[in-house]
């Protein structure tokens, strides 16, 4: 029995060749294109995760620097926030410390009370 799958096959091939535009050599139009794209998508996912980890460490560094200017360490500050039930995450705290020091001062004062 003959299998007629041309529409679905063309759609799949078109998706791959469109995504492989700009690749050089056989990577743009052969089986290599699919392999290259799959590997690229794997790297993209992994690096999105790595970026999230990197950003968290950057936020912690910024909070720590701002806290030490105010005479308290990062770990003590986070502990005070937890005890006072102040629900600010690291991203918000780092943004405050970097862009709005007065607001960060108010948060540190609230945590100390």
PDB file of N, CA and C in Angstrom:
ATOM      1  N   UNK A   1       0.840  -1.183   0.000  1.00  0.00           N
ATOM      2  CA  UNK A   1       0.000   0.000   0.000  1.00  0.00           C
ATOM      3  C   UNK A   1       0.885   1.246   0.000  1.00  0.00           C
ATOM      4  N   UNK A   2       0.504   2.206  -0.793  1.00  0.00           N
ATOM      5  CA  UNK A   2       1.269   3.429  -0.923  1.00  0.00           C
ATOM      6  C   UNK A   2       0.886   4.400   0.191  1.00  0.00           C
ATOM      7  N   UNK A   3       1.894   4.986   0.823  1.00  0.00           N
ATOM      8  CA  UNK A   3       1.651   5.950   1.885  1.00  0.00           C
ATOM      9  C   UNK A   3       1.824   7.341   1.305  1.00  0.00           C
ATOM     10  N   UNK A   4       0.794   8.151   1.423  1.00  0.00           N
ATOM     11  CA  UNK A   4       0.885   9.508   0.901  1.00  0.00           C
ATOM     12  C   UNK A   4       1.044  10.457   2.080  1.00  0.00           C
ATOM     13  N   UNK A   5       2.263  10.930   2.241  1.00  0.00           N
ATOM     14  CA  UNK A   5       2.587  11.745   3.408  1.00  0.00           C
ATOM     15  C   UNK A   5       3.274  13.041   2.981  1.00  0.00           C
ATOM     16  N   UNK A   6       3.092  13.419   1.743  1.00  0.00           N
ATOM     17  CA  UNK A   6       3.890  14.522   1.215  1.00  0.00           C
ATOM     18  C   UNK A   6       3.615  15.839   1.933  1.00  0.00           C
ATOM     19  N   UNK A   7       2.369  16.111   2.282  1.00  0.00           N
ATOM     20  CA  UNK A   7       2.040  17.395   2.915  1.00  0.00           C
ATOM     21  C   UNK A   7       2.724  17.521   4.269  1.00  0.00           C
ATOM     22  N   UNK A   8       2.608  16.483   5.095  1.00  0.00           N
ATOM     23  CA  UNK A   8       3.214  16.527   6.427  1.00  0.00           C
ATOM     24  C   UNK A   8       4.730  16.574   6.326  1.00  0.00           C
ATOM     25  N   UNK A   9       5.287  15.812   5.382  1.00  0.00           N
ATOM     26  CA  UNK A   9       6.742  15.777   5.224  1.00  0.00           C
ATOM     27  C   UNK A   9       7.261  17.137   4.779  1.00  0.00           C
ATOM     28  N   UNK A  10       6.584  17.745   3.808  1.00  0.00           N
ATOM     29  CA  UNK A  10       7.006  19.063   3.334  1.00  0.00           C
ATOM     30  C   UNK A  10       6.923  20.095   4.455  1.00  0.00           C
ATOM     31  N   UNK A  11       5.902  19.981   5.286  1.00  0.00           N
ATOM     32  CA  UNK A  11       5.749  20.913   6.399  1.00  0.00           C
ATOM     33  C   UNK A  11       6.914  20.780   7.380  1.00  0.00           C
ATOM     34  N   UNK A  12       7.284  19.532   7.686  1.00  0.00           N
ATOM     35  CA  UNK A  12       8.412  19.296   8.597  1.00  0.00           C
ATOM     36  C   UNK A  12       9.715  19.830   8.014  1.00  0.00           C
ATOM     37  N   UNK A  13       9.957  19.525   6.754  1.00  0.00           N
ATOM     38  CA  UNK A  13      11.199  19.947   6.101  1.00  0.00           C
ATOM     39  C   UNK A  13      11.258  21.467   6.023  1.00  0.00           C
ATOM     40  N   UNK A  14      10.122  22.073   5.723  1.00  0.00           N
ATOM     41  CA  UNK A  14      10.058  23.533   5.616  1.00  0.00           C
ATOM     42  C   UNK A  14      10.384  24.190   6.962  1.00  0.00           C
ATOM     43  N   UNK A  15       9.867  23.599   8.045  1.00  0.00           N
ATOM     44  CA  UNK A  15      10.128  24.137   9.383  1.00  0.00           C
ATOM     45  C   UNK A  15      11.625  24.108   9.693  1.00  0.00           C
ATOM     46  N   UNK A  16      12.285  22.999   9.333  1.00  0.00           N
ATOM     47  CA  UNK A  16      13.710  22.856   9.611  1.00  0.00           C
ATOM     48  C   UNK A  16      14.523  23.808   8.741  1.00  0.00           C
ATOM     49  N   UNK A  17      14.213  23.864   7.435  1.00  0.00           N
ATOM     50  CA  UNK A  17      15.007  24.728   6.552  1.00  0.00           C
ATOM     51  C   UNK A  17      14.813  26.204   6.886  1.00  0.00           C
ATOM     52  N   UNK A  18      13.625  26.575   7.337  1.00  0.00           N
ATOM     53  CA  UNK A  18      13.397  27.960   7.732  1.00  0.00           C
ATOM     54  C   UNK A  18      14.229  28.306   8.964  1.00  0.00           C
ATOM     55  N   UNK A  19      14.281  27.378   9.924  1.00  0.00           N
ATOM     56  CA  UNK A  19      15.046  27.625  11.144  1.00  0.00           C
ATOM     57  C   UNK A  19      16.548  27.588  10.881  1.00  0.00           C
ATOM     58  N   UNK A  20      16.971  26.868   9.818  1.00  0.00           N
ATOM     59  CA  UNK A  20      18.403  26.712   9.517  1.00  0.00           C
ATOM     60  C   UNK A  20      18.916  27.783   8.573  1.00  0.00           C
ATOM     61  N   UNK A  21      18.125  28.784   8.286  1.00  0.00           N
ATOM     62  CA  UNK A  21      18.571  29.860   7.403  1.00  0.00           C
ATOM     63  C   UNK A  21      19.781  30.560   7.990  1.00  0.00           C
ATOM     64  N   UNK A  22      20.758  30.812   7.165  1.00  0.00           N
ATOM     65  CA  UNK A  22      21.969  31.469   7.629  1.00  0.00           C
ATOM     66  C   UNK A  22      23.067  30.504   7.993  1.00  0.00           C
ATOM     67  N   UNK A  23      22.760  29.223   8.092  1.00  0.00           N
ATOM     68  CA  UNK A  23      23.790  28.229   8.345  1.00  0.00           C
ATOM     69  C   UNK A  23      24.626  28.057   7.081  1.00  0.00           C
ATOM     70  N   UNK A  24      25.841  27.549   7.217  1.00  0.00           N
ATOM     71  CA  UNK A  24      26.768  27.439   6.102  1.00  0.00           C
ATOM     72  C   UNK A  24      26.896  25.988   5.654  1.00  0.00           C
ATOM     73  N   UNK A  25      27.003  25.773   4.340  1.00  0.00           N
ATOM     74  CA  UNK A  25      27.248  24.439   3.795  1.00  0.00           C
ATOM     75  C   UNK A  25      26.036  23.540   3.929  1.00  0.00           C
ATOM     76  N   UNK A  26      26.306  22.249   4.146  1.00  0.00           N
ATOM     77  CA  UNK A  26      25.236  21.268   4.239  1.00  0.00           C
ATOM     78  C   UNK A  26      24.350  21.462   5.453  1.00  0.00           C
ATOM     79  N   UNK A  27      24.814  22.272   6.390  1.00  0.00           N
ATOM     80  CA  UNK A  27      24.017  22.508   7.598  1.00  0.00           C
ATOM     81  C   UNK A  27      22.732  23.259   7.297  1.00  0.00           C
ATOM     82  N   UNK A  28      22.637  23.862   6.123  1.00  0.00           N
ATOM     83  CA  UNK A  28      21.427  24.630   5.836  1.00  0.00           C
ATOM     84  C   UNK A  28      20.379  23.826   5.074  1.00  0.00           C
ATOM     85  N   UNK A  29      20.764  22.688   4.457  1.00  0.00           N
ATOM     86  CA  UNK A  29      19.775  22.001   3.633  1.00  0.00           C
ATOM     87  C   UNK A  29      19.848  20.475   3.676  1.00  0.00           C
ATOM     88  N   UNK A  30      20.712  19.900   4.476  1.00  0.00           N
ATOM     89  CA  UNK A  30      20.809  18.447   4.551  1.00  0.00           C
ATOM     90  C   UNK A  30      20.339  17.968   5.923  1.00  0.00           C
ATOM     91  N   UNK A  31      20.540  16.693   6.166  1.00  0.00           N
ATOM     92  CA  UNK A  31      20.212  16.097   7.461  1.00  0.00           C
ATOM     93  C   UNK A  31      20.964  16.822   8.585  1.00  0.00           C
ATOM     94  N   UNK A  32      22.155  17.323   8.255  1.00  0.00           N
ATOM     95  CA  UNK A  32      22.950  18.055   9.235  1.00  0.00           C
ATOM     96  C   UNK A  32      22.163  19.231   9.821  1.00  0.00           C
ATOM     97  N   UNK A  33      21.300  19.819   9.022  1.00  0.00           N
ATOM     98  CA  UNK A  33      20.540  20.976   9.488  1.00  0.00           C
ATOM     99  C   UNK A  33      19.700  20.604  10.699  1.00  0.00           C
ATOM    100  N   UNK A  34      19.029  19.477  10.609  1.00  0.00           N
ATOM    101  CA  UNK A  34      18.183  19.043  11.717  1.00  0.00           C
ATOM    102  C   UNK A  34      19.016  18.764  12.963  1.00  0.00           C
ATOM    103  N   UNK A  35      20.150  18.068  12.765  1.00  0.00           N
ATOM    104  CA  UNK A  35      21.035  17.769  13.903  1.00  0.00           C
ATOM    105  C   UNK A  35      21.550  19.050  14.549  1.00  0.00           C
ATOM    106  N   UNK A  36      21.974  19.991  13.707  1.00  0.00           N
ATOM    107  CA  UNK A  36      22.512  21.246  14.216  1.00  0.00           C
ATOM    108  C   UNK A  36      21.452  22.028  14.989  1.00  0.00           C
ATOM    109  N   UNK A  37      20.245  22.052  14.442  1.00  0.00           N
ATOM    110  CA  UNK A  37      19.160  22.772  15.113  1.00  0.00           C
ATOM    111  C   UNK A  37      18.828  22.143  16.461  1.00  0.00           C
ATOM    112  N   UNK A  38      18.743  20.818  16.495  1.00  0.00           N
ATOM    113  CA  UNK A  38      18.415  20.145  17.762  1.00  0.00           C
ATOM    114  C   UNK A  38      19.469  20.429  18.818  1.00  0.00           C
ATOM    115  N   UNK A  39      20.737  20.397  18.392  1.00  0.00           N
ATOM    116  CA  UNK A  39      21.811  20.679  19.335  1.00  0.00           C
ATOM    117  C   UNK A  39      21.741  22.135  19.799  1.00  0.00           C
ATOM    118  N   UNK A  40      21.452  23.034  18.858  1.00  0.00           N
ATOM    119  CA  UNK A  40      21.323  24.449  19.213  1.00  0.00           C
ATOM    120  C   UNK A  40      20.198  24.690  20.198  1.00  0.00           C
ATOM    121  N   UNK A  41      19.078  24.005  19.988  1.00  0.00           N
ATOM    122  CA  UNK A  41      17.948  24.160  20.910  1.00  0.00           C
ATOM    123  C   UNK A  41      18.295  23.631  22.300  1.00  0.00           C
ATOM    124  N   UNK A  42      19.084  22.542  22.345  1.00  0.00           N
ATOM    125  CA  UNK A  42      19.520  22.007  23.646  1.00  0.00           C
ATOM    126  C   UNK A  42      20.406  23.024  24.370  1.00  0.00           C
ATOM    127  N   UNK A  43      21.361  23.614  23.616  1.00  0.00           N
ATOM    128  CA  UNK A  43      22.242  24.623  24.215  1.00  0.00           C
ATOM    129  C   UNK A  43      21.435  25.825  24.684  1.00  0.00           C
ATOM    130  N   UNK A  44      20.447  26.234  23.876  1.00  0.00           N
ATOM    131  CA  UNK A  44      19.639  27.401  24.237  1.00  0.00           C
ATOM    132  C   UNK A  44      18.916  27.167  25.560  1.00  0.00           C
ATOM    133  N   UNK A  45      18.339  25.971  25.712  1.00  0.00           N
ATOM    134  CA  UNK A  45      17.635  25.662  26.952  1.00  0.00           C
ATOM    135  C   UNK A  45      18.599  25.649  28.138  1.00  0.00           C
ATOM    136  N   UNK A  46      19.739  24.989  27.959  1.00  0.00           N
ATOM    137  CA  UNK A  46      20.717  24.905  29.047  1.00  0.00           C
ATOM    138  C   UNK A  46      21.218  26.291  29.443  1.00  0.00           C
ATOM    139  N   UNK A  47      21.431  27.137  28.448  1.00  0.00           N
ATOM    140  CA  UNK A  47      21.967  28.462  28.760  1.00  0.00           C
ATOM    141  C   UNK A  47      20.918  29.389  29.357  1.00  0.00           C
ATOM    142  N   UNK A  48      19.651  29.144  29.059  1.00  0.00           N
ATOM    143  CA  UNK A  48      18.612  29.903  29.768  1.00  0.00           C
ATOM    144  C   UNK A  48      18.636  29.561  31.246  1.00  0.00           C
ATOM    145  N   UNK A  49      18.827  28.284  31.561  1.00  0.00           N
ATOM    146  CA  UNK A  49      18.918  27.876  32.965  1.00  0.00           C
ATOM    147  C   UNK A  49      20.167  28.477  33.630  1.00  0.00           C
ATOM    148  N   UNK A  50      21.285  28.461  32.892  1.00  0.00           N
ATOM    149  CA  UNK A  50      22.530  29.013  33.441  1.00  0.00           C
ATOM    150  C   UNK A  50      22.385  30.512  33.684  1.00  0.00           C
ATOM    151  N   UNK A  51      21.673  31.190  32.789  1.00  0.00           N
ATOM    152  CA  UNK A  51      21.466  32.631  32.946  1.00  0.00           C
ATOM    153  C   UNK A  51      20.673  32.913  34.220  1.00  0.00           C
ATOM    154  N   UNK A  52      19.676  32.079  34.500  1.00  0.00           N
ATOM    155  CA  UNK A  52      18.878  32.257  35.718  1.00  0.00           C
ATOM    156  C   UNK A  52      19.757  32.112  36.954  1.00  0.00           C
ATOM    157  N   UNK A  53      20.643  31.108  36.949  1.00  0.00           N
ATOM    158  CA  UNK A  53      21.549  30.924  38.089  1.00  0.00           C
ATOM    159  C   UNK A  53      22.499  32.108  38.222  1.00  0.00           C
ATOM    160  N   UNK A  54      22.992  32.581  37.086  1.00  0.00           N
ATOM    161  CA  UNK A  54      23.935  33.692  37.097  1.00  0.00           C
ATOM    162  C   UNK A  54      23.264  34.961  37.633  1.00  0.00           C
ATOM    163  N   UNK A  55      22.037  35.205  37.209  1.00  0.00           N
ATOM    164  CA  UNK A  55      21.329  36.405  37.662  1.00  0.00           C
ATOM    165  C   UNK A  55      21.094  36.351  39.170  1.00  0.00           C
ATOM    166  N   UNK A  56      20.734  35.186  39.686  1.00  0.00           N
ATOM    167  CA  UNK A  56      20.519  35.067  41.128  1.00  0.00           C
ATOM    168  C   UNK A  56      21.798  35.404  41.893  1.00  0.00           C
ATOM    169  N   UNK A  57      22.942  34.915  41.419  1.00  0.00           N
ATOM    170  CA  UNK A  57      24.196  35.213  42.116  1.00  0.00           C
ATOM    171  C   UNK A  57      24.536  36.702  42.014  1.00  0.00           C
ATOM    172  N   UNK A  58      24.190  37.331  40.895  1.00  0.00           N
ATOM    173  CA  UNK A  58      24.406  38.772  40.752  1.00  0.00           C
ATOM    174  C   UNK A  58      23.544  39.545  41.751  1.00  0.00           C
ATOM    175  N   UNK A  59      22.274  39.142  41.882  1.00  0.00           N
ATOM    176  CA  UNK A  59      21.390  39.807  42.839  1.00  0.00           C
ATOM    177  C   UNK A  59      21.934  39.689  44.249  1.00  0.00           C
ATOM    178  N   UNK A  60      22.398  38.494  44.604  1.00  0.00           N
ATOM    179  CA  UNK A  60      22.925  38.267  45.956  1.00  0.00           C
ATOM    180  C   UNK A  60      24.145  39.151  46.195  1.00  0.00           C
ATOM    181  N   UNK A  61      25.016  39.267  45.193  1.00  0.00           N
ATOM    182  CA  UNK A  61      26.209  40.108  45.323  1.00  0.00           C
ATOM    183  C   UNK A  61      25.819  41.566  45.542  1.00  0.00           C
ATOM    184  N   UNK A  62      24.832  42.049  44.803  1.00  0.00           N
ATOM    185  CA  UNK A  62      24.401  43.444  44.944  1.00  0.00           C
ATOM    186  C   UNK A  62      23.763  43.703  46.305  1.00  0.00           C
ATOM    187  N   UNK A  63      22.946  42.760  46.757  1.00  0.00           N
ATOM    188  CA  UNK A  63      22.307  42.916  48.069  1.00  0.00           C
ATOM    189  C   UNK A  63      23.367  42.908  49.159  1.00  0.00           C
ATOM    190  N   UNK A  64      24.324  42.006  49.052  1.00  0.00           N
ATOM    191  CA  UNK A  64      25.382  41.892  50.047  1.00  0.00           C
ATOM    192  C   UNK A  64      26.185  43.196  50.129  1.00  0.00           C
ATOM    193  N   UNK A  65      26.532  43.757  48.975  1.00  0.00           N
ATOM    194  CA  UNK A  65      27.303  45.010  48.969  1.00  0.00           C
ATOM    195  C   UNK A  65      26.503  46.138  49.622  1.00  0.00           C
ATOM    196  N   UNK A  66      25.214  46.222  49.292  1.00  0.00           N
ATOM    197  CA  UNK A  66      24.373  47.278  49.879  1.00  0.00           C
ATOM    198  C   UNK A  66      24.197  47.071  51.382  1.00  0.00           C
ATOM    199  N   UNK A  67      24.056  45.835  51.801  1.00  0.00           N
ATOM    200  CA  UNK A  67      23.883  45.541  53.230  1.00  0.00           C
ATOM    201  C   UNK A  67      25.132  45.902  54.024  1.00  0.00           C
ATOM    202  N   UNK A  68      26.279  45.559  53.477  1.00  0.00           N
ATOM    203  CA  UNK A  68      27.527  45.830  54.196  1.00  0.00           C
ATOM    204  C   UNK A  68      27.772  47.329  54.345  1.00  0.00           C
ATOM    205  N   UNK A  69      27.285  48.130  53.392  1.00  0.00           N
ATOM    206  CA  UNK A  69      27.374  49.587  53.553  1.00  0.00           C
ATOM    207  C   UNK A  69      26.530  50.059  54.728  1.00  0.00           C
ATOM    208  N   UNK A  70      25.514  49.290  55.064  1.00  0.00           N
ATOM    209  CA  UNK A  70      24.611  49.651  56.157  1.00  0.00           C
ATOM    210  C   UNK A  70      24.910  48.874  57.441  1.00  0.00           C
ATOM    211  N   UNK A  71      26.054  48.186  57.469  1.00  0.00           N
ATOM    212  CA  UNK A  71      26.536  47.549  58.685  1.00  0.00           C
ATOM    213  C   UNK A  71      25.915  46.205  59.027  1.00  0.00           C
ATOM    214  N   UNK A  72      25.442  45.476  58.028  1.00  0.00           N
ATOM    215  CA  UNK A  72      24.870  44.159  58.278  1.00  0.00           C
ATOM    216  C   UNK A  72      25.272  43.239  57.122  1.00  0.00           C
ATOM    217  N   UNK A  73      25.456  41.962  57.412  1.00  0.00           N
ATOM    218  CA  UNK A  73      25.846  41.037  56.343  1.00  0.00           C
ATOM    219  C   UNK A  73      24.600  40.543  55.604  1.00  0.00           C
ATOM    220  N   UNK A  74      24.830  39.940  54.466  1.00  0.00           N
ATOM    221  CA  UNK A  74      23.726  39.449  53.633  1.00  0.00           C
ATOM    222  C   UNK A  74      22.898  38.404  54.382  1.00  0.00           C
ATOM    223  N   UNK A  75      23.577  37.441  55.000  1.00  0.00           N
ATOM    224  CA  UNK A  75      22.849  36.355  55.667  1.00  0.00           C
ATOM    225  C   UNK A  75      22.034  36.876  56.851  1.00  0.00           C
ATOM    226  N   UNK A  76      22.605  37.815  57.614  1.00  0.00           N
ATOM    227  CA  UNK A  76      21.869  38.400  58.737  1.00  0.00           C
ATOM    228  C   UNK A  76      20.639  39.161  58.227  1.00  0.00           C
ATOM    229  N   UNK A  77      20.826  39.903  57.135  1.00  0.00           N
ATOM    230  CA  UNK A  77      19.735  40.683  56.556  1.00  0.00           C
ATOM    231  C   UNK A  77      18.603  39.781  56.083  1.00  0.00           C
ATOM    232  N   UNK A  78      18.935  38.704  55.371  1.00  0.00           N
ATOM    233  CA  UNK A  78      17.902  37.790  54.874  1.00  0.00           C
ATOM    234  C   UNK A  78      17.186  37.109  56.037  1.00  0.00           C
ATOM    235  N   UNK A  79      17.926  36.805  57.096  1.00  0.00           N
ATOM    236  CA  UNK A  79      17.324  36.198  58.282  1.00  0.00           C
ATOM    237  C   UNK A  79      16.353  37.173  58.951  1.00  0.00           C
ATOM    238  N   UNK A  80      16.748  38.449  59.035  1.00  0.00           N
ATOM    239  CA  UNK A  80      15.866  39.461  59.628  1.00  0.00           C
ATOM    240  C   UNK A  80      14.582  39.612  58.806  1.00  0.00           C
ATOM    241  N   UNK A  81      14.725  39.614  57.475  1.00  0.00           N
ATOM    242  CA  UNK A  81      13.546  39.724  56.613  1.00  0.00           C
ATOM    243  C   UNK A  81      12.592  38.551  56.835  1.00  0.00           C
ATOM    244  N   UNK A  82      13.173  37.375  56.957  1.00  0.00           N
ATOM    245  CA  UNK A  82      12.345  36.179  57.154  1.00  0.00           C
ATOM    246  C   UNK A  82      11.614  36.237  58.495  1.00  0.00           C
ATOM    247  N   UNK A  83      12.321  36.666  59.549  1.00  0.00           N
ATOM    248  CA  UNK A  83      11.714  36.754  60.871  1.00  0.00           C
ATOM    249  C   UNK A  83      10.607  37.807  60.924  1.00  0.00           C
ATOM    250  N   UNK A  84      10.808  38.919  60.231  1.00  0.00           N
ATOM    251  CA  UNK A  84       9.804  39.994  60.211  1.00  0.00           C
ATOM    252  C   UNK A  84       8.699  39.742  59.189  1.00  0.00           C
ATOM    253  N   UNK A  85       8.827  38.650  58.438  1.00  0.00           N
ATOM    254  CA  UNK A  85       7.807  38.274  57.444  1.00  0.00           C
ATOM    255  C   UNK A  85       7.654  39.353  56.361  1.00  0.00           C
ATOM    256  N   UNK A  86       8.776  39.849  55.868  1.00  0.00           N
ATOM    257  CA  UNK A  86       8.776  40.829  54.771  1.00  0.00           C
ATOM    258  C   UNK A  86       8.994  40.056  53.474  1.00  0.00           C
ATOM    259  N   UNK A  87       7.967  39.975  52.612  1.00  0.00           N
ATOM    260  CA  UNK A  87       8.047  39.082  51.443  1.00  0.00           C
ATOM    261  C   UNK A  87       8.663  39.745  50.201  1.00  0.00           C
ATOM    262  N   UNK A  88       9.927  40.111  50.286  1.00  0.00           N
ATOM    263  CA  UNK A  88      10.622  40.671  49.126  1.00  0.00           C
ATOM    264  C   UNK A  88      11.620  39.642  48.603  1.00  0.00           C
ATOM    265  N   UNK A  89      11.580  39.404  47.302  1.00  0.00           N
ATOM    266  CA  UNK A  89      12.523  38.435  46.749  1.00  0.00           C
ATOM    267  C   UNK A  89      13.839  39.126  46.402  1.00  0.00           C
ATOM    268  N   UNK A  90      14.829  38.326  46.042  1.00  0.00           N
ATOM    269  CA  UNK A  90      16.172  38.849  45.808  1.00  0.00           C
ATOM    270  C   UNK A  90      16.220  39.798  44.614  1.00  0.00           C
ATOM    271  N   UNK A  91      15.413  39.520  43.606  1.00  0.00           N
ATOM    272  CA  UNK A  91      15.404  40.389  42.419  1.00  0.00           C
ATOM    273  C   UNK A  91      14.934  41.793  42.791  1.00  0.00           C
ATOM    274  N   UNK A  92      13.862  41.875  43.574  1.00  0.00           N
ATOM    275  CA  UNK A  92      13.328  43.175  43.982  1.00  0.00           C
ATOM    276  C   UNK A  92      14.309  43.902  44.908  1.00  0.00           C
ATOM    277  N   UNK A  93      14.908  43.169  45.839  1.00  0.00           N
ATOM    278  CA  UNK A  93      15.855  43.781  46.764  1.00  0.00           C
ATOM    279  C   UNK A  93      17.080  44.322  46.028  1.00  0.00           C
ATOM    280  N   UNK A  94      17.587  43.544  45.062  1.00  0.00           N
ATOM    281  CA  UNK A  94      18.762  43.977  44.307  1.00  0.00           C
ATOM    282  C   UNK A  94      18.437  45.215  43.478  1.00  0.00           C
ATOM    283  N   UNK A  95      17.241  45.243  42.905  1.00  0.00           N
ATOM    284  CA  UNK A  95      16.837  46.414  42.125  1.00  0.00           C
ATOM    285  C   UNK A  95      16.735  47.648  43.018  1.00  0.00           C
ATOM    286  N   UNK A  96      16.173  47.459  44.196  1.00  0.00           N
ATOM    287  CA  UNK A  96      16.079  48.567  45.150  1.00  0.00           C
ATOM    288  C   UNK A  96      17.459  49.059  45.569  1.00  0.00           C
ATOM    289  N   UNK A  97      18.341  48.118  45.894  1.00  0.00           N
ATOM    290  CA  UNK A  97      19.683  48.489  46.350  1.00  0.00           C
ATOM    291  C   UNK A  97      20.446  49.224  45.260  1.00  0.00           C
ATOM    292  N   UNK A  98      20.215  48.849  44.010  1.00  0.00           N
ATOM    293  CA  UNK A  98      20.957  49.417  42.888  1.00  0.00           C
ATOM    294  C   UNK A  98      20.368  50.751  42.431  1.00  0.00           C
ATOM    295  N   UNK A  99      19.031  50.836  42.350  1.00  0.00           N
ATOM    296  CA  UNK A  99      18.389  52.003  41.759  1.00  0.00           C
ATOM    297  C   UNK A  99      17.736  52.961  42.759  1.00  0.00           C
ATOM    298  N   UNK A 100      17.378  52.454  43.945  1.00  0.00           N
ATOM    299  CA  UNK A 100      16.658  53.297  44.905  1.00  0.00           C
ATOM    300  C   UNK A 100      17.201  53.049  46.317  1.00  0.00           C
ATOM    301  N   UNK A 101      18.367  53.589  46.621  1.00  0.00           N
ATOM    302  CA  UNK A 101      18.976  53.325  47.927  1.00  0.00           C
ATOM    303  C   UNK A 101      18.127  53.777  49.119  1.00  0.00           C
ATOM    304  N   UNK A 102      17.327  54.817  48.938  1.00  0.00           N
ATOM    305  CA  UNK A 102      16.492  55.289  50.050  1.00  0.00           C
ATOM    306  C   UNK A 102      15.458  54.234  50.430  1.00  0.00           C
ATOM    307  N   UNK A 103      14.859  53.626  49.431  1.00  0.00           N
ATOM    308  CA  UNK A 103      13.884  52.565  49.705  1.00  0.00           C
ATOM    309  C   UNK A 103      14.565  51.369  50.357  1.00  0.00           C
ATOM    310  N   UNK A 104      15.779  51.064  49.925  1.00  0.00           N
ATOM    311  CA  UNK A 104      16.512  49.944  50.524  1.00  0.00           C
ATOM    312  C   UNK A 104      16.848  50.250  51.982  1.00  0.00           C
ATOM    313  N   UNK A 105      17.190  51.505  52.254  1.00  0.00           N
ATOM    314  CA  UNK A 105      17.427  51.917  53.650  1.00  0.00           C
ATOM    315  C   UNK A 105      16.184  51.674  54.502  1.00  0.00           C
ATOM    316  N   UNK A 106      15.022  51.999  53.941  1.00  0.00           N
ATOM    317  CA  UNK A 106      13.769  51.799  54.678  1.00  0.00           C
ATOM    318  C   UNK A 106      13.522  50.315  54.949  1.00  0.00           C
ATOM    319  N   UNK A 107      13.842  49.465  53.979  1.00  0.00           N
ATOM    320  CA  UNK A 107      13.665  48.020  54.171  1.00  0.00           C
ATOM    321  C   UNK A 107      14.605  47.511  55.250  1.00  0.00           C
ATOM    322  N   UNK A 108      15.869  47.969  55.222  1.00  0.00           N
ATOM    323  CA  UNK A 108      16.836  47.548  56.244  1.00  0.00           C
ATOM    324  C   UNK A 108      16.373  48.017  57.618  1.00  0.00           C
ATOM    325  N   UNK A 109      15.867  49.248  57.714  1.00  0.00           N
ATOM    326  CA  UNK A 109      15.381  49.761  58.997  1.00  0.00           C
ATOM    327  C   UNK A 109      14.182  48.958  59.482  1.00  0.00           C
ATOM    328  N   UNK A 110      13.280  48.616  58.578  1.00  0.00           N
ATOM    329  CA  UNK A 110      12.112  47.806  58.958  1.00  0.00           C
ATOM    330  C   UNK A 110      12.524  46.423  59.419  1.00  0.00           C
ATOM    331  N   UNK A 111      13.537  45.861  58.792  1.00  0.00           N
ATOM    332  CA  UNK A 111      14.004  44.523  59.175  1.00  0.00           C
ATOM    333  C   UNK A 111      14.698  44.558  60.538  1.00  0.00           C
ATOM    334  N   UNK A 112      15.369  45.663  60.843  1.00  0.00           N
ATOM    335  CA  UNK A 112      16.100  45.759  62.120  1.00  0.00           C
ATOM    336  C   UNK A 112      15.157  45.943  63.306  1.00  0.00           C
ATOM    337  N   UNK A 113      14.048  46.631  63.128  1.00  0.00           N
ATOM    338  CA  UNK A 113      13.126  46.920  64.249  1.00  0.00           C
ATOM    339  C   UNK A 113      12.594  45.664  64.891  1.00  0.00           C
TER     340      UNK A 113
END
